[in-house]
Amino acid sequence: MLIAFFVNDMEREHPNYTTTVLAFAAVQRGHRVCYLTPSDFALRDDDTLSVHARFAPTTKSRTHETFFAAMANVVDVTETIDVAEIDVLMLRSDPSLDSQAMPWAADIGILFGREAAKRGVLVVNDPDSLGRAINKLYFQSFPEEVRAETLITRKADDVKAFAKAHKGNIILKPLQGSGGSGVFKLDGKSKSNLNQMIEAIERDGYIIAQAYVPAAAHGDIRMFLMNGRPLMIGDKYAALRRVASKDDIRSNIHAGGSAEAVTIGKTELKVAELIRPKLIADGMFLVGIDIVGDKILEVNVFSPGNLQRCSLLAGVNFAVPVLESIERKLEIAKDFSGGFNNRELASL
């Protein structure tokens, strides 16, 4: 089969990104792989949809690092194909990365993902649902039991009242964004900076204020869910604990946080089970959730990262069951021709 990976751009990819390890695993299993970016679609006057694709070299690489190095040689080498030739389109871009510098590109994967699905391509995660999840407001659609108390506003007085109600212990972040960008913690030491925090976030849009969860002092747990359930091999979960550096509240790895092995227990499994129905109903095939205590702080449905670190910590390759699940979906689509729409098939 041919799997296309849609990314923000080739220059911002990395050897250890989840996209890379999934693409490498696909090649190792004998599949063809190509990469697409926001500039690579062409809707023709006969209503055919073409893409300018960068194909992975046919020579097999021994590691995902050498695979990535080989892909660097074809960054500027594209082949035009009909999108119907693609079996699976994995939308792996982060819209927030393009929202400022290239706003036209932010939802291109969603828009053309819908068109690809109309033409028989399996698109994961489901583009219609991703369209509703393009900002953190999607998070509010999950059960209240798993969410920290949250306020979304652009008014400074609202934020100040929320902070007072929570004794000055809150987290502030932008409604749109990812990777820990623009995240502030308000406490007794920083309360005099509240106005500056509000201004820093408000100039770019809405503000999210969340009640601080004390367990966050010990970091958060990034756990992968596939088809609505924890991604596992045997008794090992695709999960890790992310711990912030001493001088930063953000536990995101690329923001200075560190990764540690973690034991998944009843609390984390209960959280995952509570959000499972929503993820399945929305066709969210592969998702990363960030858990603190018995609360979820984030649900990353666009480009969840750290799959490679999870694999290293567990001593297994979590990319394998992801590819196996995709292969099974195509078998189901063949056996039940037209029996499932894209959203249903994406999370089967």
Protein backbone atom coordinates (compact mmCIF):
# COMPACT_ATOMS: atom_id res chain seq x y z
CA MET A 1 0.00 0.00 0.00
CA LEU A 2 0.97 3.64 -0.37
CA ILE A 3 0.94 5.74 2.82
CA ALA A 4 1.23 9.52 2.54
CA PHE A 5 2.33 11.55 5.56
CA PHE A 6 1.12 15.15 5.59
CA VAL A 7 3.49 17.45 7.53
CA ASN A 8 3.95 21.21 8.00
CA ASP A 9 7.13 21.21 5.93
CA MET A 10 10.11 18.94 5.36
CA GLU A 11 12.61 21.32 6.96
CA ARG A 12 10.95 21.06 10.38
CA GLU A 13 10.90 17.26 10.45
CA HIS A 14 13.34 15.40 12.71
CA PRO A 15 14.87 11.87 12.81
CA ASN A 16 13.11 10.99 16.09
CA TYR A 17 9.71 12.46 15.30
CA THR A 18 6.76 10.08 15.49
CA THR A 19 6.12 10.71 11.79
CA THR A 20 9.62 9.50 10.93
CA VAL A 21 9.41 6.30 12.95
CA LEU A 22 5.97 5.50 11.52
CA ALA A 23 7.15 6.14 7.96
CA PHE A 24 10.24 4.02 8.54
CA ALA A 25 8.16 1.19 10.01
CA ALA A 26 5.88 1.31 6.96
CA VAL A 27 8.84 0.96 4.60
CA GLN A 28 10.20 -1.91 6.71
CA ARG A 29 6.87 -3.69 6.25
CA GLY A 30 7.12 -3.38 2.46
CA HIS A 31 4.86 -0.38 1.93
CA ARG A 32 5.54 2.66 -0.22
CA VAL A 33 5.80 5.98 1.59
CA CYS A 34 5.58 9.59 0.50
CA TYR A 35 5.48 12.98 2.23
CA LEU A 36 3.11 15.86 1.46
CA THR A 37 3.13 19.50 2.60
CA PRO A 38 0.50 22.27 2.41
CA SER A 39 1.73 23.44 -1.02
CA ASP A 40 1.44 20.05 -2.71
CA PHE A 41 -2.26 19.75 -3.66
CA ALA A 42 -3.85 20.56 -7.02
CA LEU A 43 -7.59 20.28 -7.67
CA ARG A 44 -8.00 20.02 -11.46
CA ASP A 45 -10.81 21.36 -13.63
CA ASP A 46 -12.04 17.79 -14.15
CA ASP A 47 -12.41 17.48 -10.35
CA THR A 48 -9.44 15.15 -9.99
CA LEU A 49 -7.14 15.84 -7.05
CA SER A 50 -3.40 15.57 -7.62
CA VAL A 51 -0.52 15.77 -5.18
CA HIS A 52 3.15 16.57 -5.65
CA ALA A 53 4.63 13.80 -3.50
CA ARG A 54 8.14 13.16 -2.20
CA PHE A 55 8.69 9.41 -2.28
CA ALA A 56 10.93 7.60 0.15
CA PRO A 57 13.93 5.96 -1.58
CA THR A 58 13.32 2.34 -2.53
CA THR A 59 16.60 1.26 -0.93
CA LYS A 60 15.75 0.08 2.57
CA SER A 61 17.42 1.88 5.47
CA ARG A 62 18.63 0.03 8.54
CA THR A 63 17.43 2.59 11.08
CA HIS A 64 14.92 5.42 11.23
CA GLU A 65 17.86 7.83 11.39
CA THR A 66 19.30 6.61 8.08
CA PHE A 67 15.79 6.63 6.61
CA PHE A 68 15.46 10.28 7.60
CA ALA A 69 18.84 11.09 6.08
CA ALA A 70 17.76 9.43 2.83
CA MET A 71 14.54 11.47 2.79
CA ALA A 72 16.63 14.63 2.96
CA ASN A 73 17.94 13.77 -0.52
CA VAL A 74 14.45 13.87 -2.05
CA VAL A 75 13.06 16.98 -0.35
CA ASP A 76 13.03 18.82 -3.69
CA VAL A 77 12.17 15.79 -5.82
CA THR A 78 8.43 15.45 -6.34
CA GLU A 79 6.25 13.17 -8.45
CA THR A 80 2.73 14.18 -9.41
CA ILE A 81 0.17 11.47 -8.77
CA ASP A 82 -3.61 11.27 -8.46
CA VAL A 83 -4.61 11.27 -4.80
CA ALA A 84 -6.68 8.13 -5.49
CA GLU A 85 -3.38 6.23 -5.82
CA ILE A 86 -2.81 6.81 -2.10
CA ASP A 87 -4.27 4.18 0.20
CA VAL A 88 -3.79 5.99 3.50
CA LEU A 89 -3.24 9.68 4.25
CA MET A 90 -1.93 10.36 7.75
CA LEU A 91 -2.49 13.98 8.74
CA ARG A 92 0.53 14.74 10.92
CA SER A 93 0.78 18.52 10.73
CA ASP A 94 0.37 20.89 13.66
CA PRO A 95 -1.95 23.73 12.51
CA SER A 96 -0.75 26.04 15.27
CA LEU A 97 2.76 26.11 13.79
CA ASP A 98 1.43 27.81 10.65
CA SER A 99 -1.33 29.94 12.17
CA GLN A 100 0.81 33.07 12.44
CA ALA A 101 3.38 32.98 9.63
CA MET A 102 1.28 31.09 7.06
CA PRO A 103 -2.38 31.18 8.14
CA TRP A 104 -3.46 29.87 4.72
CA ALA A 105 -1.63 26.61 5.48
CA ALA A 106 -3.05 25.93 8.94
CA ASP A 107 -6.12 23.95 7.83
CA ILE A 108 -4.97 22.78 4.39
CA GLY A 109 -4.53 19.20 5.58
CA ILE A 110 -8.09 19.19 6.88
CA LEU A 111 -9.56 20.72 3.70
CA PHE A 112 -7.77 18.46 1.25
CA GLY A 113 -8.01 15.51 3.63
CA ARG A 114 -11.78 15.75 3.22
CA GLU A 115 -11.37 15.76 -0.55
CA ALA A 116 -9.07 12.74 -0.38
CA ALA A 117 -11.59 10.84 1.75
CA LYS A 118 -14.30 11.56 -0.85
CA ARG A 119 -12.05 9.87 -3.41
CA GLY A 120 -11.67 6.67 -1.41
CA VAL A 121 -8.50 7.42 0.57
CA LEU A 122 -8.47 6.39 4.22
CA VAL A 123 -7.61 9.60 6.08
CA VAL A 124 -6.48 9.44 9.72
CA ASN A 125 -7.27 11.11 11.94
CA ASP A 126 -10.66 11.88 10.41
CA PRO A 127 -10.42 15.35 8.81
CA ASP A 128 -13.98 16.43 9.64
CA SER A 129 -13.35 15.83 13.33
CA LEU A 130 -9.93 17.46 13.15
CA GLY A 131 -11.69 20.52 11.78
CA ARG A 132 -13.64 20.73 15.03
CA ALA A 133 -10.49 20.14 17.08
CA ILE A 134 -8.31 22.82 15.51
CA ASN A 135 -8.13 24.68 18.81
CA LYS A 136 -8.25 23.66 22.47
CA LEU A 137 -12.00 24.29 22.71
CA TYR A 138 -12.37 20.69 21.51
CA PHE A 139 -11.01 19.66 24.89
CA GLN A 140 -14.18 20.97 26.55
CA SER A 141 -16.22 18.29 24.78
CA PHE A 142 -14.74 15.57 26.99
CA PRO A 143 -16.37 14.54 30.28
CA GLU A 144 -16.15 17.14 33.05
CA GLU A 145 -14.79 14.47 35.39
CA VAL A 146 -11.46 14.34 33.55
CA ARG A 147 -11.01 18.08 33.01
CA ALA A 148 -9.43 20.61 35.34
CA GLU A 149 -11.71 23.58 36.03
CA THR A 150 -11.34 25.85 33.02
CA LEU A 151 -12.20 29.35 31.89
CA ILE A 152 -11.91 30.55 28.29
CA THR A 153 -12.11 34.31 27.81
CA ARG A 154 -10.46 37.44 26.42
CA LYS A 155 -11.38 39.63 29.38
CA ALA A 156 -8.74 40.37 32.01
CA ASP A 157 -11.36 40.80 34.74
CA ASP A 158 -12.67 37.28 34.08
CA VAL A 159 -9.18 35.85 34.47
CA LYS A 160 -8.56 37.81 37.68
CA ALA A 161 -11.83 36.61 39.20
CA PHE A 162 -10.98 33.01 38.24
CA ALA A 163 -7.52 33.38 39.78
CA LYS A 164 -9.01 34.73 43.00
CA ALA A 165 -11.47 31.83 43.18
CA HIS A 166 -8.56 29.41 42.94
CA LYS A 167 -6.37 31.23 45.47
CA GLY A 168 -4.00 32.44 42.79
CA ASN A 169 -2.93 28.97 41.62
CA ILE A 170 -3.82 28.72 37.94
CA ILE A 171 -2.27 28.00 34.56
CA LEU A 172 -2.69 30.44 31.69
CA LYS A 173 -2.23 29.49 28.03
CA PRO A 174 -3.53 30.43 24.57
CA LEU A 175 -6.61 28.79 23.09
CA GLN A 176 -4.60 28.09 19.95
CA GLY A 177 -1.08 26.76 20.19
CA SER A 178 0.94 23.70 21.11
CA GLY A 179 4.21 22.48 22.53
CA GLY A 180 3.99 24.59 25.69
CA SER A 181 4.15 27.88 23.80
CA GLY A 182 2.82 30.84 25.79
CA VAL A 183 2.12 28.86 28.98
CA PHE A 184 2.33 30.64 32.34
CA LYS A 185 1.80 29.53 35.94
CA LEU A 186 0.34 32.02 38.37
CA ASP A 187 1.20 31.58 42.04
CA GLY A 188 2.17 33.66 45.04
CA LYS A 189 5.56 34.48 43.56
CA SER A 190 4.28 35.60 40.17
CA LYS A 191 0.93 37.23 41.01
CA SER A 192 2.33 40.70 40.38
CA ASN A 193 2.93 39.68 36.75
CA LEU A 194 -0.67 38.66 36.05
CA ASN A 195 -1.40 41.65 33.84
CA GLN A 196 1.67 40.96 31.69
CA MET A 197 0.72 37.29 31.38
CA ILE A 198 -2.80 38.20 30.27
CA GLU A 199 -1.52 40.74 27.75
CA ALA A 200 1.03 38.30 26.32
CA ILE A 201 -1.67 35.74 25.55
CA GLU A 202 -4.62 38.01 24.78
CA ARG A 203 -2.93 39.81 21.90
CA ASP A 204 -3.01 36.55 19.93
CA GLY A 205 -6.57 35.51 20.84
CA TYR A 206 -8.49 33.83 23.61
CA ILE A 207 -7.01 32.89 26.96
CA ILE A 208 -7.42 29.54 28.71
CA ALA A 209 -7.22 29.67 32.49
CA GLN A 210 -7.08 26.32 34.25
CA ALA A 211 -7.06 25.43 37.91
CA TYR A 212 -3.60 24.21 38.84
CA VAL A 213 -3.49 20.48 39.56
CA PRO A 214 -0.94 19.93 42.37
CA ALA A 215 0.15 16.60 40.90
CA ALA A 216 1.65 18.58 38.01
CA ALA A 217 4.64 19.31 40.24
CA HIS A 218 5.74 15.74 39.50
CA GLY A 219 5.28 16.12 35.74
CA ASP A 220 2.61 14.75 33.44
CA ILE A 221 2.08 11.43 31.68
CA ARG A 222 1.97 11.32 27.90
CA MET A 223 0.03 8.23 26.84
CA PHE A 224 -0.87 7.15 23.33
CA LEU A 225 -4.35 5.90 22.52
CA MET A 226 -5.06 3.99 19.31
CA ASN A 227 -8.62 3.31 18.18
CA GLY A 228 -9.74 4.81 21.48
CA ARG A 229 -7.74 2.44 23.68
CA PRO A 230 -4.25 2.57 25.22
CA LEU A 231 -1.59 1.58 22.71
CA MET A 232 0.10 -1.54 24.06
CA ILE A 233 2.43 -4.39 23.23
CA GLY A 234 1.92 -7.20 25.71
CA ASP A 235 1.71 -5.52 29.11
CA LYS A 236 3.73 -2.48 28.05
CA TYR A 237 2.03 0.84 27.40
CA ALA A 238 3.11 3.51 24.96
CA ALA A 239 3.53 6.07 27.73
CA LEU A 240 6.13 8.10 29.58
CA ARG A 241 6.36 10.68 32.31
CA ARG A 242 7.47 14.16 31.26
CA VAL A 243 9.15 16.18 33.99
CA ALA A 244 9.76 19.91 33.67
CA SER A 245 13.19 21.39 34.23
CA LYS A 246 13.72 23.21 37.54
CA ASP A 247 13.26 26.66 36.03
CA ASP A 248 10.28 25.92 33.76
CA ILE A 249 6.70 24.77 34.34
CA ARG A 250 6.44 23.18 30.90
CA SER A 251 7.06 19.44 30.74
CA ASN A 252 7.16 19.31 26.93
CA ILE A 253 10.35 17.54 25.89
CA HIS A 254 11.38 20.15 23.34
CA ALA A 255 10.75 22.86 25.94
CA GLY A 256 13.40 21.39 28.24
CA GLY A 257 11.45 18.63 29.94
CA SER A 258 12.87 15.15 30.45
CA ALA A 259 11.33 11.72 29.80
CA GLU A 260 11.10 8.91 32.31
CA ALA A 261 9.53 5.47 32.34
CA VAL A 262 6.14 5.39 34.01
CA THR A 263 3.78 2.73 35.39
CA ILE A 264 0.24 3.00 34.08
CA GLY A 265 -2.30 2.21 36.77
CA LYS A 266 -6.03 2.23 37.41
CA THR A 267 -6.25 6.03 37.52
CA GLU A 268 -4.76 6.54 34.06
CA LEU A 269 -6.78 3.68 32.59
CA LYS A 270 -9.99 5.11 34.01
CA VAL A 271 -9.22 8.49 32.44
CA ALA A 272 -8.55 6.82 29.09
CA GLU A 273 -11.78 4.83 29.31
CA LEU A 274 -13.84 7.93 30.08
CA ILE A 275 -12.72 9.68 26.90
CA ARG A 276 -12.75 6.57 24.69
CA PRO A 277 -16.34 6.97 23.37
CA LYS A 278 -15.67 10.49 22.13
CA LEU A 279 -12.43 9.54 20.39
CA ILE A 280 -14.06 6.58 18.62
CA ALA A 281 -17.12 8.60 17.59
CA ASP A 282 -14.80 11.25 16.11
CA GLY A 283 -12.61 8.81 14.17
CA MET A 284 -9.49 9.72 16.16
CA PHE A 285 -7.16 6.88 15.26
CA LEU A 286 -3.93 7.92 17.01
CA VAL A 287 -4.01 10.39 19.89
CA GLY A 288 -1.68 11.55 22.65
CA ILE A 289 -3.19 12.51 25.99
CA ASP A 290 -1.41 14.35 28.80
CA ILE A 291 -2.54 13.19 32.25
CA VAL A 292 -1.89 14.81 35.63
CA GLY A 293 -3.37 12.92 38.54
CA ASP A 294 -6.89 12.00 37.43
CA LYS A 295 -7.18 14.92 34.98
CA ILE A 296 -6.31 15.42 31.34
CA LEU A 297 -4.52 18.65 30.51
CA GLU A 298 -4.26 18.14 26.75
CA VAL A 299 -5.61 15.88 24.02
CA ASN A 300 -3.27 16.00 21.02
CA VAL A 301 -5.17 14.72 18.00
CA PHE A 302 -2.97 16.30 15.32
CA SER A 303 0.66 15.29 15.76
CA PRO A 304 1.21 13.50 19.08
CA GLY A 305 4.91 13.05 19.70
CA ASN A 306 7.29 10.93 21.76
CA LEU A 307 6.33 7.53 20.31
CA GLN A 308 10.02 6.76 19.77
CA ARG A 309 10.90 7.62 23.38
CA CYS A 310 8.04 5.42 24.58
CA SER A 311 9.44 2.57 22.50
CA LEU A 312 12.96 3.03 23.85
CA LEU A 313 11.79 3.16 27.46
CA ALA A 314 9.61 0.05 27.04
CA GLY A 315 12.08 -1.90 24.89
CA VAL A 316 9.54 -2.53 22.12
CA ASN A 317 8.53 -0.89 18.83
CA PHE A 318 5.13 0.75 19.20
CA ALA A 319 5.14 1.78 15.53
CA VAL A 320 4.46 -1.86 14.60
CA PRO A 321 0.92 -2.18 16.07
CA VAL A 322 0.07 1.23 14.58
CA LEU A 323 0.96 -0.04 11.10
CA GLU A 324 -0.79 -3.35 11.75
CA SER A 325 -3.97 -1.49 12.65
CA ILE A 326 -3.80 0.59 9.47
CA GLU A 327 -3.33 -2.55 7.39
CA ARG A 328 -6.35 -4.13 9.06
CA LYS A 329 -8.48 -1.05 8.31
CA LEU A 330 -7.75 -1.42 4.60
CA GLU A 331 -8.73 -5.08 4.78
CA ILE A 332 -12.02 -4.10 6.42
CA ALA A 333 -12.62 -1.44 3.76
CA LYS A 334 -12.10 -4.08 1.06
CA ASP A 335 -14.30 -6.68 2.75
CA PHE A 336 -17.09 -4.18 3.43
CA SER A 337 -16.92 -2.03 0.32
CA GLY A 338 -18.75 1.20 1.10
CA GLY A 339 -19.94 -0.19 4.43
CA PHE A 340 -18.16 2.38 6.58
CA ASN A 341 -17.53 6.07 6.16
CA ASN A 342 -14.07 7.51 6.81
CA ARG A 343 -14.79 8.52 10.41
CA GLU A 344 -16.09 5.05 11.27
CA LEU A 345 -13.24 3.22 9.56
CA ALA A 346 -10.57 5.48 11.09
CA SER A 347 -11.16 4.18 14.61
CA LEU A 348 -12.19 0.57 13.91
